[in-house]
Structure formats: C-alpha cells, structure tokens
Amino acid sequence: MRALTYHGAHSVKVDTVPDPVIEDPEDIILQVTATAICGSDLHLYRGKIPRTEHGDIFGHEFMGIVVEAGSAVTSVQKGDRVVVPFVIACGTCFFCNHDLFAACETTNTGRGAIVNKKIVPPGAALFGFSHLYGGIPGGQAEYVRVPKANTGPFKVPSTLADEKVLFLSDILPTAWQAVTNAGIGQGSSVAIYGAGPVGLLAAACAKMLGAEKIFMVDHHAYRLAYAERTYGVIPINFDEDDDPAETILEQTPGNRGVDGVIDAVGFEAKGSTTETILTNLKLEGSSGKALRQCIAAVRRGGVVSVPGVYAGPIHGFLFGDAFDKGLTFRMGQTHVQKYLPELLGYIEQGKLAPEAIITHRLSLEQAAEGYKIFDKKEEDCRKVILTPGTPDVVIPEPVTGGGVLA
C-alpha cells in the first residue's frame, strides 16, 4: 500500500510499504477514505517529538470502511463506515471506566512524554505519533490497522459526507473539551490563543454555546481575518501587539480579564531569546510564552484550558500569579470517545459545520506538498485533507460561510 512516511526533520514522502494485517483478535483493518494533516503532526514533521523514527507512518485523523475484523470484534463489522479516535483505549481499565480514555493504562508500552519516570503507567497510545506513544502506524495511508476496535471506531451515517465527520477523530472533540473545560457557556467571555484548526473550532464551539465575547490571538493575519468573519471573534495579532493579555484586560469589565482562556498553541509558541537559548541547550522542553499570556488574560477564579501539546520543563511558569489569582488549570489529551455521540448530533442538526475550515484538498500522493504548505502557512492554508485513491463517498465542494450554523 501507499503511505506517508518520515525521513527526518522536514522530510516526508509517500512510499510503498507492507499492508497492515490483523495482529490481535480485537483489531480491524480499515480502508482509509479520508485523512487530514493535524497541527500536532507538524511537531513530528519538524523533528520536535523524540523517538520519531525513519519510516514511521504519520496521521491520527482518519476515517474509512472496515475491510477486515478480528474474531473478538463485536462493535463493528466488515463494510461499516467509521471515524477512528486518535486515542487508542481498551475500554475496560480503571481510567476507561471513568471515561478518561486518553489515560488508558494498557495500550502504550512506552512512557509518553513524561519526564518523571516515577509516574506510571503512561497514558494511552496514539495513532502515528512516535514511539513515545506506542509507535502505532498512523492513518495517512491507504489502509491502517486499528487496535481495540470494540472501543475506538465510531459508526457514522451514510448521509453525511466524509468531510463533515472526519474531524470527529481529533480536532473537533479536542476543541470541544477545551471549551467545556474552560467552563464557557451563555454570556461567557473567552480568549483563545492560537488560530490553527483547534483554535478555530474552539471558537465555533464557544459561539454555539453562547459565548458573548471571544478574543483570538495569533501571528497570522489571514487566520485572524477568517475567525473574525466566521465566528465574530475580536482578533489580536501577536506580531502587532506585544502584550495581547493587556489588550484583552482593557476590554473586559473592571479590567478583570476573561472567564476562561484556551492555550491552543502549546510548546512551539514563539518564545523569548532566553527561551530559545534554553531550548537549544536542552534545558527547557517548551516555550512558556503562550501560557504566561493565558495566566495574565484570565480573571481571578478563572480557568486556563490547555489543549496545546507541551513537553518537558517550562521556563518562567508564573505559578505565583496563578496561585494569587486562584486559577484552575485543565489540560491533557482528549477523551475523544466520550464526546463523539453528542458532537455527531450537533453536526446532524447543523449546529456545527467543522468542514468549513478546510482550505486544501489533496490526494495522498500529494501529502508531502500538503505538509510543506501547512507548515509554512502558504496559500492561506487552514486545514489540509488527503484522499487515498478514489473516495468511497462524494466529497462536497469547498464550504463557504461559517463553521457554526446556528
């Protein structure tokens, strides 16, 4: 089969690799009909995630048709059309029984990104996301093996095109968890740092839930313009305003700050010169600039919600400020399986249209070019969809208008 594989930092290509096979009775083999390049994939592409190895198959946002099922698989069968959560969970361990699927303690034989070796076991394995997270081949391929298929694959109706439901695999549940973790509801105010795919869909979710005021901070004018036009955000360009938090405070009653703030940037935020030096010396694992901004922008008693990926120690984490303001931090990988039925309902009702953020539709064979365009923010790229071979369902024309239809 054909698959997108890693060949070093900023070097990926589509190769012919062995077809996946059933390795466990709970496995299925999926023929991929649509997959996407995620912002998290760029961390791998840039060589920022340890234990990413030559030949690894990327991709954790994908869906398709079941073409083979193991003897113990009962939840899906051959011919079913499913979306696959990026988190691989067993469904039966302590954490899965508490709907904390991303904390599943059975699927990852590595140790995740945890530096403290005393913290065991690691969280769940992830598709296509280095050997820190299980080394499971991803879905930017014609076929993929899906372990624990009684817990992950989620059947979707044939009436909805792939693009409408594909993002149930990751970025829509991630945005939803970020917004609900921040406690956003009717009349709330929220600041979202990062106008990438997760940040944009967080704005969509916040708007649907009735947020009164949504601030969005980013370096790219075209992404901010889209967010303002589509979701009614108040845009702040980090390249033109060196202290967005101060600007946000000035636009809230009593200069007290927003009710909740979402860090959809993570460890690759543009940091200070000091942070750059510390990172190059391996003394720091992540830039803390976005997180410091979040702590400053949120009101006392507010919530800092972090869907952005972090790894290792952070310079200048303002814990004293967080303590003084009585902040709550909520973060981590997304418990995707928990949210799928509710989010599918919003899509079916027309309340969410996540496919609106798509700008580029390419074949799998064009995946390397897709990575380059997405990484360099060329052609006003917001989101890239890849189609292996001929799609089994009709892909609609590019959506015009918003990501929320309410």
Protein backbone atom coordinates (compact mmCIF):
# COMPACT_ATOMS: atom_id res chain seq x y z
CA MET A 1 0.00 0.00 0.00
CA ARG A 2 0.97 3.66 -0.19
CA ALA A 3 1.60 5.66 2.98
CA LEU A 4 3.18 8.93 4.13
CA THR A 5 6.43 8.15 5.96
CA TYR A 6 9.01 10.10 7.97
CA HIS A 7 12.57 10.53 6.69
CA GLY A 8 13.93 13.18 9.04
CA ALA A 9 13.03 16.73 10.04
CA HIS A 10 11.05 18.46 7.27
CA SER A 11 11.36 15.34 5.11
CA VAL A 12 8.35 13.12 4.46
CA LYS A 13 7.33 11.19 1.37
CA VAL A 14 4.74 8.72 0.18
CA ASP A 15 6.28 5.23 -0.03
CA THR A 16 5.08 1.74 -0.83
CA VAL A 17 5.01 -0.16 2.47
CA PRO A 18 3.61 -3.57 3.58
CA ASP A 19 -0.14 -3.80 4.01
CA PRO A 20 -1.30 -3.97 7.64
CA VAL A 21 -2.58 -7.30 8.96
CA ILE A 22 -4.69 -8.43 11.89
CA GLU A 23 -2.34 -8.89 14.86
CA ASP A 24 -4.88 -9.28 17.68
CA PRO A 25 -8.46 -10.59 17.80
CA GLU A 26 -9.67 -7.05 18.65
CA ASP A 27 -8.06 -5.48 15.55
CA ILE A 28 -9.76 -4.28 12.40
CA ILE A 29 -8.25 -3.28 9.07
CA LEU A 30 -9.63 -0.02 7.72
CA GLN A 31 -9.58 1.19 4.13
CA VAL A 32 -8.95 4.91 4.59
CA THR A 33 -11.30 7.17 2.64
CA ALA A 34 -10.20 10.49 4.14
CA THR A 35 -7.40 11.65 6.40
CA ALA A 36 -6.05 15.03 7.47
CA ILE A 37 -2.84 16.78 8.44
CA CYS A 38 -3.12 17.97 12.02
CA GLY A 39 -1.24 20.79 13.69
CA SER A 40 0.20 18.16 16.04
CA ASP A 41 1.63 16.37 13.00
CA LEU A 42 3.79 19.43 12.41
CA HIS A 43 5.60 18.79 15.71
CA LEU A 44 6.63 15.43 14.25
CA TYR A 45 7.39 16.89 10.83
CA ARG A 46 9.72 19.47 12.37
CA GLY A 47 11.58 16.78 14.33
CA LYS A 48 10.40 18.14 17.69
CA ILE A 49 8.96 14.88 19.10
CA PRO A 50 11.55 12.38 20.41
CA ARG A 51 11.54 8.78 19.19
CA THR A 52 10.07 9.60 15.81
CA GLU A 53 11.82 7.05 13.63
CA HIS A 54 12.70 6.73 9.95
CA GLY A 55 9.80 5.11 8.11
CA ASP A 56 7.13 5.90 10.72
CA ILE A 57 3.67 6.37 9.19
CA PHE A 58 2.05 9.62 10.32
CA GLY A 59 -1.61 10.50 10.72
CA HIS A 60 -4.08 10.39 13.58
CA GLU A 61 -7.12 11.99 11.92
CA PHE A 62 -8.72 9.46 9.61
CA MET A 63 -11.84 7.51 8.74
CA GLY A 64 -12.87 4.81 6.30
CA ILE A 65 -14.50 1.45 5.64
CA VAL A 66 -13.91 -1.71 7.68
CA VAL A 67 -12.50 -4.35 5.31
CA GLU A 68 -11.45 -6.98 7.86
CA ALA A 69 -12.30 -7.63 11.50
CA GLY A 70 -10.65 -9.79 14.16
CA SER A 71 -12.53 -12.67 15.76
CA ALA A 72 -13.20 -10.74 19.01
CA VAL A 73 -14.57 -7.60 17.35
CA THR A 74 -18.29 -7.18 18.05
CA SER A 75 -18.95 -3.42 17.82
CA VAL A 76 -18.30 -3.06 14.09
CA GLN A 77 -18.24 -5.36 11.09
CA LYS A 78 -16.95 -5.53 7.56
CA GLY A 79 -18.49 -2.77 5.43
CA ASP A 80 -19.14 -0.34 8.30
CA ARG A 81 -18.12 3.27 7.76
CA VAL A 82 -16.35 4.61 10.82
CA VAL A 83 -14.38 7.53 12.24
CA VAL A 84 -11.45 6.45 14.41
CA PRO A 85 -10.46 8.42 17.55
CA PHE A 86 -6.77 9.28 17.65
CA VAL A 87 -6.61 7.91 21.22
CA ILE A 88 -6.31 4.11 21.43
CA ALA A 89 -8.17 2.93 24.52
CA CYS A 90 -9.03 -0.52 25.84
CA GLY A 91 -12.42 0.42 27.27
CA THR A 92 -12.04 -1.74 30.38
CA CYS A 93 -9.21 -0.37 32.55
CA PHE A 94 -9.67 1.93 35.58
CA PHE A 95 -9.35 5.12 33.51
CA CYS A 96 -11.53 3.98 30.62
CA ASN A 97 -14.23 3.07 33.14
CA HIS A 98 -14.11 6.71 34.28
CA ASP A 99 -14.41 7.99 30.68
CA LEU A 100 -10.75 9.11 30.82
CA PHE A 101 -9.87 7.34 27.59
CA ALA A 102 -6.69 9.33 26.95
CA ALA A 103 -5.35 7.99 30.25
CA CYS A 104 -5.89 4.33 29.27
CA GLU A 105 -3.23 2.36 31.12
CA THR A 106 -3.00 -0.68 28.85
CA THR A 107 -2.34 0.43 25.26
CA ASN A 108 1.00 2.27 25.46
CA THR A 109 4.11 0.24 26.21
CA GLY A 110 6.30 3.36 26.13
CA ARG A 111 6.28 6.14 28.70
CA GLY A 112 4.71 9.00 26.80
CA ALA A 113 6.21 12.47 27.17
CA ILE A 114 6.54 12.17 30.95
CA VAL A 115 9.96 13.22 32.23
CA ASN A 116 9.41 11.95 35.78
CA LYS A 117 9.98 8.19 35.49
CA LYS A 118 8.19 7.62 38.80
CA ILE A 119 4.88 8.47 37.12
CA VAL A 120 3.49 5.20 35.75
CA PRO A 121 1.77 3.88 33.76
CA PRO A 122 1.88 6.16 30.69
CA GLY A 123 -1.25 7.47 29.01
CA ALA A 124 -2.92 5.89 26.01
CA ALA A 125 -1.19 5.02 22.77
CA LEU A 126 -1.88 7.38 19.86
CA PHE A 127 -2.00 6.68 16.15
CA GLY A 128 1.02 7.85 14.16
CA PHE A 129 2.62 9.86 16.95
CA SER A 130 6.12 8.49 17.62
CA HIS A 131 7.25 5.61 19.76
CA LEU A 132 6.70 7.69 22.89
CA TYR A 133 3.03 6.98 22.29
CA GLY A 134 3.18 3.35 21.27
CA GLY A 135 4.69 3.50 17.80
CA ILE A 136 1.33 2.60 16.20
CA PRO A 137 1.32 3.27 12.43
CA GLY A 138 -0.97 6.15 11.51
CA GLY A 139 -3.74 6.70 9.02
CA GLN A 140 -2.13 8.82 6.29
CA ALA A 141 -2.18 5.65 4.26
CA GLU A 142 -4.44 3.54 2.08
CA TYR A 143 -5.05 1.07 4.90
CA VAL A 144 -4.48 1.08 8.66
CA ARG A 145 -4.66 -1.45 11.48
CA VAL A 146 -6.94 -0.24 14.27
CA PRO A 147 -6.33 -1.93 17.65
CA LYS A 148 -9.00 -2.15 20.37
CA ALA A 149 -11.74 -1.86 17.79
CA ASN A 150 -14.51 -2.52 20.30
CA THR A 151 -13.78 0.84 21.93
CA GLY A 152 -12.49 3.19 19.22
CA PRO A 153 -14.19 3.10 15.79
CA PHE A 154 -17.41 5.13 15.73
CA LYS A 155 -20.03 4.41 13.08
CA VAL A 156 -21.25 7.43 11.13
CA PRO A 157 -24.34 7.76 8.93
CA SER A 158 -24.04 7.43 5.16
CA THR A 159 -26.00 10.67 4.76
CA LEU A 160 -23.01 12.74 5.92
CA ALA A 161 -20.01 13.22 3.63
CA ASP A 162 -16.57 12.30 4.93
CA GLU A 163 -15.55 15.92 5.42
CA LYS A 164 -18.46 16.60 7.74
CA VAL A 165 -17.48 13.86 10.20
CA LEU A 166 -13.72 13.39 9.69
CA PHE A 167 -12.79 15.88 12.39
CA LEU A 168 -14.63 13.80 15.00
CA SER A 169 -11.36 11.85 15.04
CA ASP A 170 -9.48 14.61 16.86
CA ILE A 171 -9.74 18.35 16.38
CA LEU A 172 -13.48 18.80 16.99
CA PRO A 173 -13.53 16.79 20.26
CA THR A 174 -10.25 18.48 21.24
CA ALA A 175 -11.78 21.91 20.70
CA TRP A 176 -14.96 20.86 22.49
CA GLN A 177 -13.07 19.51 25.51
CA ALA A 178 -11.01 22.71 25.63
CA VAL A 179 -14.11 24.92 25.62
CA THR A 180 -16.09 22.85 28.13
CA ASN A 181 -13.03 22.53 30.38
CA ALA A 182 -12.87 26.34 30.36
CA GLY A 183 -16.47 26.47 31.59
CA ILE A 184 -17.68 28.51 28.63
CA GLY A 185 -21.44 28.97 28.31
CA GLN A 186 -24.14 31.54 27.69
CA GLY A 187 -22.78 35.05 28.28
CA SER A 188 -19.20 33.93 28.93
CA SER A 189 -16.05 35.63 27.76
CA VAL A 190 -13.09 33.61 26.46
CA ALA A 191 -9.68 34.25 24.96
CA ILE A 192 -8.24 31.69 22.54
CA TYR A 193 -4.51 31.74 21.88
CA GLY A 194 -3.83 30.15 18.51
CA ALA A 195 -6.00 30.31 15.38
CA GLY A 196 -4.99 26.94 13.98
CA PRO A 197 -7.59 24.22 13.34
CA VAL A 198 -8.21 23.52 17.06
CA GLY A 199 -8.37 27.21 17.92
CA LEU A 200 -10.82 27.88 15.10
CA LEU A 201 -13.09 25.02 16.10
CA ALA A 202 -12.85 26.13 19.73
CA ALA A 203 -14.25 29.47 18.55
CA ALA A 204 -17.02 27.61 16.73
CA CYS A 205 -17.90 25.64 19.85
CA ALA A 206 -17.75 28.70 22.10
CA LYS A 207 -20.04 30.61 19.76
CA MET A 208 -22.51 27.72 19.63
CA LEU A 209 -22.55 27.57 23.45
CA GLY A 210 -23.42 31.26 23.64
CA ALA A 211 -20.13 32.96 24.49
CA GLU A 212 -20.72 36.71 24.50
CA LYS A 213 -17.17 37.78 23.73
CA ILE A 214 -14.42 35.72 22.04
CA PHE A 215 -10.89 37.08 21.74
CA MET A 216 -8.46 35.30 19.42
CA VAL A 217 -4.68 35.79 19.38
CA ASP A 218 -2.44 34.63 16.54
CA HIS A 219 0.54 35.65 14.39
CA HIS A 220 -1.19 35.14 11.03
CA ALA A 221 -3.47 37.88 9.74
CA TYR A 222 -5.33 35.62 7.28
CA ARG A 223 -6.34 33.19 10.05
CA LEU A 224 -7.49 36.03 12.29
CA ALA A 225 -9.49 37.57 9.44
CA TYR A 226 -11.24 34.25 8.83
CA ALA A 227 -12.03 33.84 12.53
CA GLU A 228 -13.41 37.37 12.77
CA ARG A 229 -15.55 36.92 9.67
CA THR A 230 -16.81 33.46 10.58
CA TYR A 231 -17.10 33.39 14.36
CA GLY A 232 -17.22 37.08 15.25
CA VAL A 233 -14.02 36.98 17.30
CA ILE A 234 -12.09 40.04 18.39
CA PRO A 235 -8.77 39.49 16.61
CA ILE A 236 -5.39 40.36 18.13
CA ASN A 237 -2.24 39.94 16.07
CA PHE A 238 0.74 38.97 18.23
CA ASP A 239 3.11 40.49 15.65
CA GLU A 240 1.46 43.89 16.08
CA ASP A 241 0.62 43.75 19.79
CA ASP A 242 3.43 42.52 22.04
CA ASP A 243 1.11 42.14 25.04
CA PRO A 244 -2.28 40.77 23.93
CA ALA A 245 -3.20 39.95 27.53
CA GLU A 246 -3.11 43.66 28.42
CA THR A 247 -5.30 44.42 25.41
CA ILE A 248 -7.76 41.74 26.50
CA LEU A 249 -7.86 43.05 30.08
CA GLU A 250 -8.65 46.56 28.83
CA GLN A 251 -11.73 45.22 27.01
CA THR A 252 -13.26 43.39 29.97
CA PRO A 253 -15.37 44.97 32.77
CA GLY A 254 -13.15 46.32 35.51
CA ASN A 255 -10.09 45.14 33.57
CA ARG A 256 -10.57 41.86 35.40
CA GLY A 257 -9.98 39.52 32.44
CA VAL A 258 -11.96 36.83 30.63
CA ASP A 259 -13.83 33.97 32.33
CA GLY A 260 -11.76 31.31 30.61
CA VAL A 261 -8.73 31.15 28.36
CA ILE A 262 -7.63 28.44 25.93
CA ASP A 263 -3.99 27.77 25.03
CA ALA A 264 -4.27 26.14 21.61
CA VAL A 265 -0.62 26.90 20.81
CA GLY A 266 1.47 24.66 23.06
CA PHE A 267 5.19 24.12 23.33
CA GLU A 268 6.17 25.59 19.95
CA ALA A 269 4.95 29.08 20.80
CA LYS A 270 7.35 31.82 19.71
CA GLY A 271 9.33 32.43 22.91
CA SER A 272 11.86 34.93 24.12
CA THR A 273 15.56 34.90 23.26
CA THR A 274 16.24 33.33 26.66
CA GLU A 275 13.75 30.55 25.99
CA THR A 276 15.26 29.88 22.56
CA ILE A 277 18.71 29.51 24.11
CA LEU A 278 17.42 27.26 26.90
CA THR A 279 15.60 25.06 24.39
CA ASN A 280 18.69 24.74 22.20
CA LEU A 281 20.71 23.75 25.28
CA LYS A 282 18.05 21.13 26.14
CA LEU A 283 17.43 22.89 29.47
CA GLU A 284 13.87 23.68 28.55
CA GLY A 285 11.32 21.49 26.79
CA SER A 286 8.66 24.04 25.93
CA SER A 287 8.19 27.75 25.38
CA GLY A 288 6.02 29.23 28.10
CA LYS A 289 5.08 32.47 26.34
CA ALA A 290 1.52 31.49 25.41
CA LEU A 291 0.89 30.02 28.84
CA ARG A 292 2.14 33.17 30.59
CA GLN A 293 -0.19 35.20 28.42
CA CYS A 294 -3.10 32.95 29.36
CA ILE A 295 -2.40 33.37 33.08
CA ALA A 296 -2.36 37.14 32.62
CA ALA A 297 -5.52 37.36 30.49
CA VAL A 298 -7.89 35.30 32.65
CA ARG A 299 -9.80 36.76 35.57
CA ARG A 300 -9.37 35.72 39.19
CA GLY A 301 -11.05 32.39 39.79
CA GLY A 302 -11.00 31.68 36.06
CA VAL A 303 -9.91 28.62 34.12
CA VAL A 304 -6.85 28.06 31.93
CA SER A 305 -7.67 25.25 29.49
CA VAL A 306 -4.74 23.74 27.61
CA PRO A 307 -5.35 21.55 24.53
CA GLY A 308 -1.95 22.57 23.10
CA VAL A 309 0.83 19.97 23.39
CA TYR A 310 3.56 20.55 25.98
CA ALA A 311 6.67 18.51 26.71
CA GLY A 312 9.30 18.86 29.39
CA PRO A 313 10.04 21.79 31.74
CA ILE A 314 8.91 25.35 31.08
CA HIS A 315 10.93 28.49 31.83
CA GLY A 316 9.08 31.27 33.65
CA PHE A 317 5.91 29.39 34.58
CA LEU A 318 4.20 32.04 36.73
CA PHE A 319 2.90 29.73 39.41
CA GLY A 320 2.78 32.52 41.99
CA ASP A 321 0.49 34.57 39.75
CA ALA A 322 -1.72 31.54 39.17
CA PHE A 323 -1.93 30.95 42.92
CA ASP A 324 -2.68 34.59 43.68
CA LYS A 325 -5.49 34.62 41.10
CA GLY A 326 -6.92 31.29 42.30
CA LEU A 327 -6.82 29.78 38.83
CA THR A 328 -7.89 26.32 37.75
CA PHE A 329 -5.84 24.52 35.11
CA ARG A 330 -7.42 21.81 32.96
CA MET A 331 -5.40 20.11 30.26
CA GLY A 332 -4.30 16.92 28.57
CA GLN A 333 -5.01 14.69 25.62
CA THR A 334 -8.64 14.48 24.54
CA HIS A 335 -11.01 11.78 25.77
CA VAL A 336 -12.39 11.53 22.24
CA GLN A 337 -14.69 8.54 22.71
CA LYS A 338 -16.60 10.39 25.44
CA TYR A 339 -17.75 13.19 23.16
CA LEU A 340 -18.48 11.56 19.79
CA PRO A 341 -22.24 10.90 20.09
CA GLU A 342 -23.01 14.43 21.29
CA LEU A 343 -20.84 16.10 18.66
CA LEU A 344 -22.25 13.97 15.86
CA GLY A 345 -25.67 15.17 16.96
CA TYR A 346 -24.64 18.82 16.62
CA ILE A 347 -23.31 18.12 13.12
CA GLU A 348 -26.53 16.35 12.09
CA GLN A 349 -28.59 19.26 13.46
CA GLY A 350 -26.50 21.77 11.52
CA LYS A 351 -25.26 23.49 14.68
CA LEU A 352 -21.62 22.71 13.89
CA ALA A 353 -20.04 22.62 10.43
CA PRO A 354 -16.39 21.73 11.13
CA GLU A 355 -15.62 21.15 7.46
CA ALA A 356 -15.82 24.91 6.89
CA ILE A 357 -12.19 25.35 7.98
CA ILE A 358 -10.86 23.16 5.12
CA THR A 359 -8.85 25.04 2.51
CA HIS A 360 -6.83 22.34 0.72
CA ARG A 361 -7.99 19.00 -0.72
CA LEU A 362 -5.13 16.84 -2.00
CA SER A 363 -4.53 13.22 -2.92
CA LEU A 364 -2.45 11.06 -0.60
CA GLU A 365 0.31 11.16 -3.23
CA GLN A 366 0.49 14.95 -2.70
CA ALA A 367 0.89 14.61 1.07
CA ALA A 368 4.49 15.89 1.22
CA GLU A 369 3.43 19.08 -0.58
CA GLY A 370 0.50 19.36 1.81
CA TYR A 371 2.86 19.28 4.79
CA LYS A 372 5.03 21.99 3.25
CA ILE A 373 2.06 24.26 2.56
CA PHE A 374 0.56 23.75 6.03
CA ASP A 375 3.90 24.15 7.82
CA LYS A 376 4.81 27.39 6.03
CA LYS A 377 1.24 28.77 6.15
CA GLU A 378 1.28 29.19 2.37
CA GLU A 379 -1.81 29.84 0.24
CA ASP A 380 -3.77 30.94 3.34
CA CYS A 381 -3.81 27.32 4.46
CA ARG A 382 -6.05 26.45 7.41
CA LYS A 383 -6.56 22.69 7.03
CA VAL A 384 -5.42 20.01 4.56
CA ILE A 385 -7.48 16.93 3.68
CA LEU A 386 -5.87 13.94 1.94
CA THR A 387 -7.76 11.32 -0.04
CA PRO A 388 -6.14 7.92 -0.74
CA GLY A 389 -7.21 6.58 -4.12
CA THR A 390 -10.80 7.17 -5.11
CA PRO A 391 -13.06 8.20 -2.21
CA ASP A 392 -15.91 5.86 -1.37
CA VAL A 393 -18.21 8.79 -0.69
CA VAL A 394 -18.72 12.01 -2.59
CA ILE A 395 -16.63 14.88 -1.26
CA PRO A 396 -18.61 18.13 -1.41
CA GLU A 397 -17.38 21.32 -2.96
CA PRO A 398 -15.49 23.71 -0.63
CA VAL A 399 -17.81 25.12 2.01
CA THR A 400 -18.47 28.83 2.05
CA GLY A 401 -19.59 30.59 5.17
CA GLY A 402 -19.12 29.71 8.80
CA GLY A 403 -18.16 26.79 10.94
CA VAL A 404 -21.26 27.34 13.07
CA LEU A 405 -24.74 27.20 11.66
CA ALA A 406 -26.96 28.38 14.46
